Amino acid sequence: MTAARRPVVAGNIKMHLDRASLGALLRGVKADIALTPGYVQVVLCPAFPHLPLAQEILSGSTVALGAQNMHWDREGARTGEVAPGMLLETGCRHVILGHSERRTLFGETDEQVGKKVRAALGAGLVPILCVGETEEERRAGATEVVLSRQMVGALGGLETVASERLLVAYEPVWAIGTGRTATPETAQEAHRYLRSELGRLLGPETAGGVRLLYGGSVKPDNVDELMRETDIDGVLVGGAALQAASFLRIVNYRA
């Protein structure tokens, strides 16, 4: 990570926590951030029904609110979907797009992810674009091919994107929820390749400013090493984001 790229720690709550548990998490994070304001940008992404509660609790805080998904259309007959403007109305400034669980469990394609990224950017939301290979793809030596395909699908054809308006999260599918984490060297290798792809798609100046996050069983005991790598600018946290203590240890990493 370079000094020019502000580090980001984003928490993906997924389909976890009831209102009481989420409230306790948000209040704990908000209180700690208020007492020890730091350089790290913190984003929390709860489930859709809890966004109004999160907006209320986080009001006046530097902790940013994000959503876990959205549709690309502004409105329409899309039962069960959520439009970009609806997220803005609930205080969201970020949205996770292309997460591997959306791709594998719900069949989202690279083309659909690309539509969502463009819609998010057009609405003023900051996409947290997730890319990553499966274990089978990695064993086959196809990691770079997969990452390139996903990046082109999401960002190909975009004319310009301000570097602060986009986050890219490398989440190797084989490390999500498995307890297995890519070594810092492996993660850095993938991040370096992603930055080169960003340079090809959006230009070297934008690529140098876009913050790249690592996600995949990030924990308090491995975040320090990960954050020491040159091209790792932050982390997207899953299970360790469900408790204030573990999440805050990650926010207060020691690189």
C-alpha atoms as a PDB file:
ATOM      1  CA  MET A   1       0.000   0.000   0.000  1.00  0.00           C
ATOM      2  CA  THR A   2       1.204   3.501  -0.772  1.00  0.00           C
ATOM      3  CA  ALA A   3       0.566   6.638   1.247  1.00  0.00           C
ATOM      4  CA  ALA A   4      -1.432   8.066  -1.662  1.00  0.00           C
ATOM      5  CA  ARG A   5      -4.129   5.389  -1.349  1.00  0.00           C
ATOM      6  CA  ARG A   6      -6.203   5.644   1.809  1.00  0.00           C
ATOM      7  CA  PRO A   7      -6.695   2.157   3.318  1.00  0.00           C
ATOM      8  CA  VAL A   8     -10.201   0.690   3.447  1.00  0.00           C
ATOM      9  CA  VAL A   9     -11.690  -1.923   5.768  1.00  0.00           C
ATOM     10  CA  ALA A  10     -15.145  -3.039   4.626  1.00  0.00           C
ATOM     11  CA  GLY A  11     -17.357  -5.465   6.522  1.00  0.00           C
ATOM     12  CA  ASN A  12     -19.767  -7.718   4.619  1.00  0.00           C
ATOM     13  CA  ILE A  13     -22.396  -8.828   7.147  1.00  0.00           C
ATOM     14  CA  LYS A  14     -24.048 -11.119   4.551  1.00  0.00           C
ATOM     15  CA  MET A  15     -27.290 -12.776   5.794  1.00  0.00           C
ATOM     16  CA  HIS A  16     -26.244 -12.640   9.440  1.00  0.00           C
ATOM     17  CA  LEU A  17     -27.309 -10.869  12.657  1.00  0.00           C
ATOM     18  CA  ASP A  18     -30.715  -9.813  13.937  1.00  0.00           C
ATOM     19  CA  ARG A  19     -31.518  -6.191  14.733  1.00  0.00           C
ATOM     20  CA  ALA A  20     -30.208  -6.384  18.279  1.00  0.00           C
ATOM     21  CA  SER A  21     -26.911  -8.018  17.299  1.00  0.00           C
ATOM     22  CA  LEU A  22     -26.377  -5.670  14.391  1.00  0.00           C
ATOM     23  CA  GLY A  23     -27.165  -2.674  16.592  1.00  0.00           C
ATOM     24  CA  ALA A  24     -24.567  -3.780  19.108  1.00  0.00           C
ATOM     25  CA  LEU A  25     -21.974  -4.215  16.350  1.00  0.00           C
ATOM     26  CA  LEU A  26     -22.656  -0.814  14.796  1.00  0.00           C
ATOM     27  CA  ARG A  27     -22.656   1.037  18.108  1.00  0.00           C
ATOM     28  CA  GLY A  28     -19.427  -0.645  19.153  1.00  0.00           C
ATOM     29  CA  VAL A  29     -17.672   0.239  15.917  1.00  0.00           C
ATOM     30  CA  LYS A  30     -19.029   3.786  15.909  1.00  0.00           C
ATOM     31  CA  ALA A  31     -17.918   4.402  19.499  1.00  0.00           C
ATOM     32  CA  ASP A  32     -14.406   3.103  18.904  1.00  0.00           C
ATOM     33  CA  ILE A  33     -13.948   5.066  15.689  1.00  0.00           C
ATOM     34  CA  ALA A  34     -15.127   8.226  17.445  1.00  0.00           C
ATOM     35  CA  LEU A  35     -12.593   7.735  20.261  1.00  0.00           C
ATOM     36  CA  THR A  36      -9.655   6.813  18.058  1.00  0.00           C
ATOM     37  CA  PRO A  37     -10.261   8.383  14.653  1.00  0.00           C
ATOM     38  CA  GLY A  38      -7.722   7.069  12.209  1.00  0.00           C
ATOM     39  CA  TYR A  39      -6.700   7.180   8.623  1.00  0.00           C
ATOM     40  CA  VAL A  40      -8.598   4.019   7.673  1.00  0.00           C
ATOM     41  CA  GLN A  41     -11.887   4.342   5.810  1.00  0.00           C
ATOM     42  CA  VAL A  42     -14.453   1.992   7.359  1.00  0.00           C
ATOM     43  CA  VAL A  43     -17.478   0.640   5.474  1.00  0.00           C
ATOM     44  CA  LEU A  44     -20.166  -1.690   6.842  1.00  0.00           C
ATOM     45  CA  CYS A  45     -22.623  -3.534   4.600  1.00  0.00           C
ATOM     46  CA  PRO A  46     -25.628  -5.087   6.383  1.00  0.00           C
ATOM     47  CA  ALA A  47     -28.594  -6.859   4.797  1.00  0.00           C
ATOM     48  CA  PHE A  48     -31.241  -4.793   3.002  1.00  0.00           C
ATOM     49  CA  PRO A  49     -33.896  -4.821   5.784  1.00  0.00           C
ATOM     50  CA  HIS A  50     -31.349  -3.463   8.277  1.00  0.00           C
ATOM     51  CA  LEU A  51     -30.133  -0.525   6.196  1.00  0.00           C
ATOM     52  CA  PRO A  52     -32.525   2.019   7.814  1.00  0.00           C
ATOM     53  CA  LEU A  53     -31.415   0.902  11.284  1.00  0.00           C
ATOM     54  CA  ALA A  54     -27.765   1.169  10.267  1.00  0.00           C
ATOM     55  CA  GLN A  55     -28.336   4.605   8.780  1.00  0.00           C
ATOM     56  CA  GLU A  56     -29.870   5.773  12.066  1.00  0.00           C
ATOM     57  CA  ILE A  57     -27.099   4.374  14.251  1.00  0.00           C
ATOM     58  CA  LEU A  58     -24.213   5.501  12.053  1.00  0.00           C
ATOM     59  CA  SER A  59     -25.568   9.017  11.599  1.00  0.00           C
ATOM     60  CA  GLY A  60     -22.861  11.541  12.437  1.00  0.00           C
ATOM     61  CA  SER A  61     -20.150   8.898  12.202  1.00  0.00           C
ATOM     62  CA  THR A  62     -17.300   8.573   9.736  1.00  0.00           C
ATOM     63  CA  VAL A  63     -18.289   4.927   9.233  1.00  0.00           C
ATOM     64  CA  ALA A  64     -19.762   4.612   5.739  1.00  0.00           C
ATOM     65  CA  LEU A  65     -22.795   2.496   4.926  1.00  0.00           C
ATOM     66  CA  GLY A  66     -22.877   0.051   2.038  1.00  0.00           C
ATOM     67  CA  ALA A  67     -25.233  -2.517   0.536  1.00  0.00           C
ATOM     68  CA  GLN A  68     -24.501  -6.057  -0.601  1.00  0.00           C
ATOM     69  CA  ASN A  69     -26.085  -5.967  -4.046  1.00  0.00           C
ATOM     70  CA  MET A  70     -28.397  -4.004  -6.370  1.00  0.00           C
ATOM     71  CA  HIS A  71     -30.097  -4.163  -9.744  1.00  0.00           C
ATOM     72  CA  TRP A  72     -28.910  -2.072 -12.669  1.00  0.00           C
ATOM     73  CA  ASP A  73     -32.324  -0.586 -13.525  1.00  0.00           C
ATOM     74  CA  ARG A  74     -33.587   2.606 -11.914  1.00  0.00           C
ATOM     75  CA  GLU A  75     -37.077   1.150 -11.449  1.00  0.00           C
ATOM     76  CA  GLY A  76     -39.417  -1.431 -12.908  1.00  0.00           C
ATOM     77  CA  ALA A  77     -41.136  -4.761 -12.463  1.00  0.00           C
ATOM     78  CA  ARG A  78     -38.216  -6.468 -10.783  1.00  0.00           C
ATOM     79  CA  THR A  79     -39.748  -8.337  -7.871  1.00  0.00           C
ATOM     80  CA  GLY A  80     -37.254  -8.843  -5.074  1.00  0.00           C
ATOM     81  CA  GLU A  81     -34.684  -6.424  -6.474  1.00  0.00           C
ATOM     82  CA  VAL A  82     -33.389  -3.073  -5.197  1.00  0.00           C
ATOM     83  CA  ALA A  83     -32.591  -0.032  -7.334  1.00  0.00           C
ATOM     84  CA  PRO A  84     -29.532   2.222  -6.937  1.00  0.00           C
ATOM     85  CA  GLY A  85     -31.657   5.198  -5.913  1.00  0.00           C
ATOM     86  CA  MET A  86     -33.251   3.177  -3.127  1.00  0.00           C
ATOM     87  CA  LEU A  87     -29.817   2.511  -1.679  1.00  0.00           C
ATOM     88  CA  LEU A  88     -28.955   6.195  -1.791  1.00  0.00           C
ATOM     89  CA  GLU A  89     -32.183   6.998   0.078  1.00  0.00           C
ATOM     90  CA  THR A  90     -31.126   4.682   2.908  1.00  0.00           C
ATOM     91  CA  GLY A  91     -27.776   6.412   3.259  1.00  0.00           C
ATOM     92  CA  CYS A  92     -25.637   3.973   1.274  1.00  0.00           C
ATOM     93  CA  ARG A  93     -22.547   5.286  -0.455  1.00  0.00           C
ATOM     94  CA  HIS A  94     -21.023   1.922  -1.350  1.00  0.00           C
ATOM     95  CA  VAL A  95     -22.347  -1.314  -2.829  1.00  0.00           C
ATOM     96  CA  ILE A  96     -20.723  -4.747  -3.132  1.00  0.00           C
ATOM     97  CA  LEU A  97     -21.052  -6.087  -6.685  1.00  0.00           C
ATOM     98  CA  GLY A  98     -20.040  -9.380  -8.270  1.00  0.00           C
ATOM     99  CA  HIS A  99     -19.378 -11.230  -5.019  1.00  0.00           C
ATOM    100  CA  SER A 100     -18.575 -14.870  -5.709  1.00  0.00           C
ATOM    101  CA  GLU A 101     -21.650 -15.964  -3.763  1.00  0.00           C
ATOM    102  CA  ARG A 102     -23.791 -13.931  -6.167  1.00  0.00           C
ATOM    103  CA  ARG A 103     -21.964 -15.423  -9.139  1.00  0.00           C
ATOM    104  CA  THR A 104     -21.988 -19.059  -7.996  1.00  0.00           C
ATOM    105  CA  LEU A 105     -25.231 -19.325  -6.005  1.00  0.00           C
ATOM    106  CA  PHE A 106     -27.396 -17.002  -8.083  1.00  0.00           C
ATOM    107  CA  GLY A 107     -25.828 -17.264 -11.517  1.00  0.00           C
ATOM    108  CA  GLU A 108     -24.728 -13.658 -11.996  1.00  0.00           C
ATOM    109  CA  THR A 109     -22.725 -13.250 -15.177  1.00  0.00           C
ATOM    110  CA  ASP A 110     -19.823 -10.942 -15.987  1.00  0.00           C
ATOM    111  CA  GLU A 111     -22.183  -8.991 -18.247  1.00  0.00           C
ATOM    112  CA  GLN A 112     -24.699  -8.470 -15.437  1.00  0.00           C
ATOM    113  CA  VAL A 113     -21.973  -7.398 -13.042  1.00  0.00           C
ATOM    114  CA  GLY A 114     -20.805  -4.894 -15.641  1.00  0.00           C
ATOM    115  CA  LYS A 115     -24.317  -3.438 -15.918  1.00  0.00           C
ATOM    116  CA  LYS A 116     -24.451  -3.087 -12.144  1.00  0.00           C
ATOM    117  CA  VAL A 117     -21.062  -1.379 -11.964  1.00  0.00           C
ATOM    118  CA  ARG A 118     -22.104   1.172 -14.574  1.00  0.00           C
ATOM    119  CA  ALA A 119     -25.438   1.789 -12.869  1.00  0.00           C
ATOM    120  CA  ALA A 120     -23.755   2.260  -9.499  1.00  0.00           C
ATOM    121  CA  LEU A 121     -21.246   4.720 -10.904  1.00  0.00           C
ATOM    122  CA  GLY A 122     -24.020   6.578 -12.715  1.00  0.00           C
ATOM    123  CA  ALA A 123     -26.037   6.878  -9.504  1.00  0.00           C
ATOM    124  CA  GLY A 124     -23.104   8.163  -7.462  1.00  0.00           C
ATOM    125  CA  LEU A 125     -22.448   4.960  -5.532  1.00  0.00           C
ATOM    126  CA  VAL A 126     -18.953   3.525  -5.069  1.00  0.00           C
ATOM    127  CA  PRO A 127     -18.878  -0.070  -6.341  1.00  0.00           C
ATOM    128  CA  ILE A 128     -16.847  -2.626  -4.420  1.00  0.00           C
ATOM    129  CA  LEU A 129     -16.214  -4.880  -7.404  1.00  0.00           C
ATOM    130  CA  CYS A 130     -15.383  -8.455  -6.399  1.00  0.00           C
ATOM    131  CA  VAL A 131     -13.315 -10.758  -8.605  1.00  0.00           C
ATOM    132  CA  GLY A 132     -11.596 -14.062  -7.928  1.00  0.00           C
ATOM    133  CA  GLU A 133     -10.902 -17.575  -9.139  1.00  0.00           C
ATOM    134  CA  THR A 134     -12.112 -20.962  -7.882  1.00  0.00           C
ATOM    135  CA  GLU A 135      -9.742 -23.617  -6.585  1.00  0.00           C
ATOM    136  CA  GLU A 136     -10.149 -25.606  -9.810  1.00  0.00           C
ATOM    137  CA  GLU A 137      -9.284 -22.554 -11.905  1.00  0.00           C
ATOM    138  CA  ARG A 138      -6.219 -21.854  -9.800  1.00  0.00           C
ATOM    139  CA  ARG A 139      -5.017 -25.451 -10.072  1.00  0.00           C
ATOM    140  CA  ALA A 140      -5.427 -25.206 -13.840  1.00  0.00           C
ATOM    141  CA  GLY A 141      -3.209 -22.106 -13.908  1.00  0.00           C
ATOM    142  CA  ALA A 142      -6.131 -19.959 -15.096  1.00  0.00           C
ATOM    143  CA  THR A 143      -6.110 -17.334 -12.340  1.00  0.00           C
ATOM    144  CA  GLU A 144      -5.025 -14.457 -14.580  1.00  0.00           C
ATOM    145  CA  VAL A 145      -7.374 -15.522 -17.372  1.00  0.00           C
ATOM    146  CA  VAL A 146     -10.333 -15.515 -14.970  1.00  0.00           C
ATOM    147  CA  LEU A 147      -9.385 -12.199 -13.376  1.00  0.00           C
ATOM    148  CA  SER A 148      -8.941 -10.594 -16.777  1.00  0.00           C
ATOM    149  CA  ARG A 149     -12.319 -11.878 -17.986  1.00  0.00           C
ATOM    150  CA  GLN A 150     -14.079 -10.590 -14.879  1.00  0.00           C
ATOM    151  CA  MET A 151     -12.368  -7.202 -15.043  1.00  0.00           C
ATOM    152  CA  VAL A 152     -13.167  -6.743 -18.727  1.00  0.00           C
ATOM    153  CA  GLY A 153     -16.780  -7.766 -18.107  1.00  0.00           C
ATOM    154  CA  ALA A 154     -17.141  -5.237 -15.308  1.00  0.00           C
ATOM    155  CA  LEU A 155     -15.055  -2.322 -16.563  1.00  0.00           C
ATOM    156  CA  GLY A 156     -14.477  -2.790 -20.278  1.00  0.00           C
ATOM    157  CA  GLY A 157     -15.635   0.151 -22.353  1.00  0.00           C
ATOM    158  CA  LEU A 158     -15.784   2.648 -19.499  1.00  0.00           C
ATOM    159  CA  GLU A 159     -14.324   5.929 -20.670  1.00  0.00           C
ATOM    160  CA  THR A 160     -13.144   7.389 -17.377  1.00  0.00           C
ATOM    161  CA  VAL A 161     -13.585   6.586 -13.719  1.00  0.00           C
ATOM    162  CA  ALA A 162     -12.196   8.715 -10.915  1.00  0.00           C
ATOM    163  CA  SER A 163      -9.934   6.442  -8.881  1.00  0.00           C
ATOM    164  CA  GLU A 164     -11.715   7.265  -5.615  1.00  0.00           C
ATOM    165  CA  ARG A 165     -15.047   6.177  -7.143  1.00  0.00           C
ATOM    166  CA  LEU A 166     -14.070   2.512  -7.494  1.00  0.00           C
ATOM    167  CA  LEU A 167     -12.867  -0.240  -5.181  1.00  0.00           C
ATOM    168  CA  VAL A 168     -11.803  -3.659  -6.450  1.00  0.00           C
ATOM    169  CA  ALA A 169     -11.735  -6.632  -4.085  1.00  0.00           C
ATOM    170  CA  TYR A 170      -9.729  -9.752  -4.922  1.00  0.00           C
ATOM    171  CA  GLU A 171     -11.601 -12.606  -3.274  1.00  0.00           C
ATOM    172  CA  PRO A 172     -10.235 -16.029  -4.225  1.00  0.00           C
ATOM    173  CA  VAL A 173     -13.302 -18.260  -4.058  1.00  0.00           C
ATOM    174  CA  TRP A 174     -11.294 -21.034  -2.438  1.00  0.00           C
ATOM    175  CA  ALA A 175     -10.573 -18.787   0.563  1.00  0.00           C
ATOM    176  CA  ILE A 176     -14.069 -17.397   1.228  1.00  0.00           C
ATOM    177  CA  GLY A 177     -15.592 -18.832   4.390  1.00  0.00           C
ATOM    178  CA  THR A 178     -13.149 -21.742   4.388  1.00  0.00           C
ATOM    179  CA  GLY A 179     -10.666 -20.482   6.935  1.00  0.00           C
ATOM    180  CA  ARG A 180      -7.984 -20.679   4.242  1.00  0.00           C
ATOM    181  CA  THR A 181      -6.295 -17.404   3.408  1.00  0.00           C
ATOM    182  CA  ALA A 182      -4.073 -16.639   0.467  1.00  0.00           C
ATOM    183  CA  THR A 183      -0.517 -16.007   1.603  1.00  0.00           C
ATOM    184  CA  PRO A 184       0.457 -12.345   1.484  1.00  0.00           C
ATOM    185  CA  GLU A 185       2.726 -13.148  -1.451  1.00  0.00           C
ATOM    186  CA  THR A 186      -0.070 -14.912  -3.367  1.00  0.00           C
ATOM    187  CA  ALA A 187      -2.494 -12.067  -2.667  1.00  0.00           C
ATOM    188  CA  GLN A 188       0.091  -9.478  -3.717  1.00  0.00           C
ATOM    189  CA  GLU A 189       0.724 -11.325  -6.972  1.00  0.00           C
ATOM    190  CA  ALA A 190      -2.991 -11.228  -7.821  1.00  0.00           C
ATOM    191  CA  HIS A 191      -3.304  -7.580  -6.788  1.00  0.00           C
ATOM    192  CA  ARG A 192      -0.329  -6.607  -8.916  1.00  0.00           C
ATOM    193  CA  TYR A 193      -1.950  -8.299 -11.895  1.00  0.00           C
ATOM    194  CA  LEU A 194      -5.271  -6.562 -11.208  1.00  0.00           C
ATOM    195  CA  ARG A 195      -3.541  -3.193 -11.132  1.00  0.00           C
ATOM    196  CA  SER A 196      -1.960  -3.940 -14.491  1.00  0.00           C
ATOM    197  CA  GLU A 197      -5.400  -4.842 -15.861  1.00  0.00           C
ATOM    198  CA  LEU A 198      -6.802  -1.599 -14.490  1.00  0.00           C
ATOM    199  CA  GLY A 199      -4.039   0.223 -16.304  1.00  0.00           C
ATOM    200  CA  ARG A 200      -4.972  -1.487 -19.543  1.00  0.00           C
ATOM    201  CA  LEU A 201      -8.696  -0.777 -19.115  1.00  0.00           C
ATOM    202  CA  LEU A 202      -8.757   2.644 -17.443  1.00  0.00           C
ATOM    203  CA  GLY A 203      -5.278   4.058 -17.911  1.00  0.00           C
ATOM    204  CA  PRO A 204      -2.171   4.052 -15.701  1.00  0.00           C
ATOM    205  CA  GLU A 205      -3.082   7.154 -13.717  1.00  0.00           C
ATOM    206  CA  THR A 206      -6.454   5.741 -12.646  1.00  0.00           C
ATOM    207  CA  ALA A 207      -4.919   2.324 -11.984  1.00  0.00           C
ATOM    208  CA  GLY A 208      -2.354   3.848  -9.664  1.00  0.00           C
ATOM    209  CA  GLY A 209      -5.069   5.435  -7.538  1.00  0.00           C
ATOM    210  CA  VAL A 210      -7.721   2.702  -7.367  1.00  0.00           C
ATOM    211  CA  ARG A 211      -7.675   0.914  -4.027  1.00  0.00           C
ATOM    212  CA  LEU A 212      -7.462  -2.875  -4.161  1.00  0.00           C
ATOM    213  CA  LEU A 213      -8.884  -4.906  -1.281  1.00  0.00           C
ATOM    214  CA  TYR A 214      -8.184  -8.494  -0.310  1.00  0.00           C
ATOM    215  CA  GLY A 215     -11.048 -10.690   0.872  1.00  0.00           C
ATOM    216  CA  GLY A 216     -11.054 -14.326   1.884  1.00  0.00           C
ATOM    217  CA  SER A 217     -11.026 -15.411   5.538  1.00  0.00           C
ATOM    218  CA  VAL A 218      -9.461 -12.149   6.715  1.00  0.00           C
ATOM    219  CA  LYS A 219      -8.910 -12.302  10.475  1.00  0.00           C
ATOM    220  CA  PRO A 220      -7.185 -10.303  13.209  1.00  0.00           C
ATOM    221  CA  ASP A 221      -4.235 -12.689  13.082  1.00  0.00           C
ATOM    222  CA  ASN A 222      -3.504 -12.338   9.357  1.00  0.00           C
ATOM    223  CA  VAL A 223      -4.470  -8.752   8.506  1.00  0.00           C
ATOM    224  CA  ASP A 224      -1.152  -7.229   9.580  1.00  0.00           C
ATOM    225  CA  GLU A 225       0.892  -9.265   7.100  1.00  0.00           C
ATOM    226  CA  LEU A 226      -1.593  -8.730   4.293  1.00  0.00           C
ATOM    227  CA  MET A 227      -1.596  -4.966   4.752  1.00  0.00           C
ATOM    228  CA  ARG A 228       2.188  -4.811   4.429  1.00  0.00           C
ATOM    229  CA  GLU A 229       2.001  -5.713   0.741  1.00  0.00           C
ATOM    230  CA  THR A 230       2.492  -2.934  -1.805  1.00  0.00           C
ATOM    231  CA  ASP A 231      -0.715  -3.371  -3.789  1.00  0.00           C
ATOM    232  CA  ILE A 232      -3.064  -4.387  -0.954  1.00  0.00           C
ATOM    233  CA  ASP A 233      -4.874  -1.220   0.108  1.00  0.00           C
ATOM    234  CA  GLY A 234      -7.484  -2.742   2.386  1.00  0.00           C
ATOM    235  CA  VAL A 235      -9.614  -5.769   3.149  1.00  0.00           C
ATOM    236  CA  LEU A 236     -13.180  -6.978   2.667  1.00  0.00           C
ATOM    237  CA  VAL A 237     -14.085  -8.862   5.825  1.00  0.00           C
ATOM    238  CA  GLY A 238     -16.765 -11.542   6.251  1.00  0.00           C
ATOM    239  CA  GLY A 239     -17.030 -13.611   9.420  1.00  0.00           C
ATOM    240  CA  ALA A 240     -14.657 -11.442  11.440  1.00  0.00           C
ATOM    241  CA  ALA A 241     -16.952  -8.448  10.787  1.00  0.00           C
ATOM    242  CA  LEU A 242     -19.775  -9.922  12.869  1.00  0.00           C
ATOM    243  CA  GLN A 243     -18.224  -8.974  16.214  1.00  0.00           C
ATOM    244  CA  ALA A 244     -17.049  -5.461  17.061  1.00  0.00           C
ATOM    245  CA  ALA A 245     -13.875  -6.652  18.805  1.00  0.00           C
ATOM    246  CA  SER A 246     -12.538  -8.715  15.890  1.00  0.00           C
ATOM    247  CA  PHE A 247     -13.590  -6.172  13.279  1.00  0.00           C
ATOM    248  CA  LEU A 248     -11.988  -3.289  15.158  1.00  0.00           C
ATOM    249  CA  ARG A 249      -8.732  -5.229  15.521  1.00  0.00           C
ATOM    250  CA  ILE A 250      -8.706  -5.472  11.740  1.00  0.00           C
ATOM    251  CA  VAL A 251      -9.496  -1.765  11.372  1.00  0.00           C
ATOM    252  CA  ASN A 252      -6.591  -1.040  13.711  1.00  0.00           C
ATOM    253  CA  TYR A 253      -4.185  -3.305  11.869  1.00  0.00           C
ATOM    254  CA  ARG A 254      -0.429  -3.014  12.505  1.00  0.00           C
ATOM    255  CA  ALA A 255       1.377  -3.007   9.205  1.00  0.00           C
END
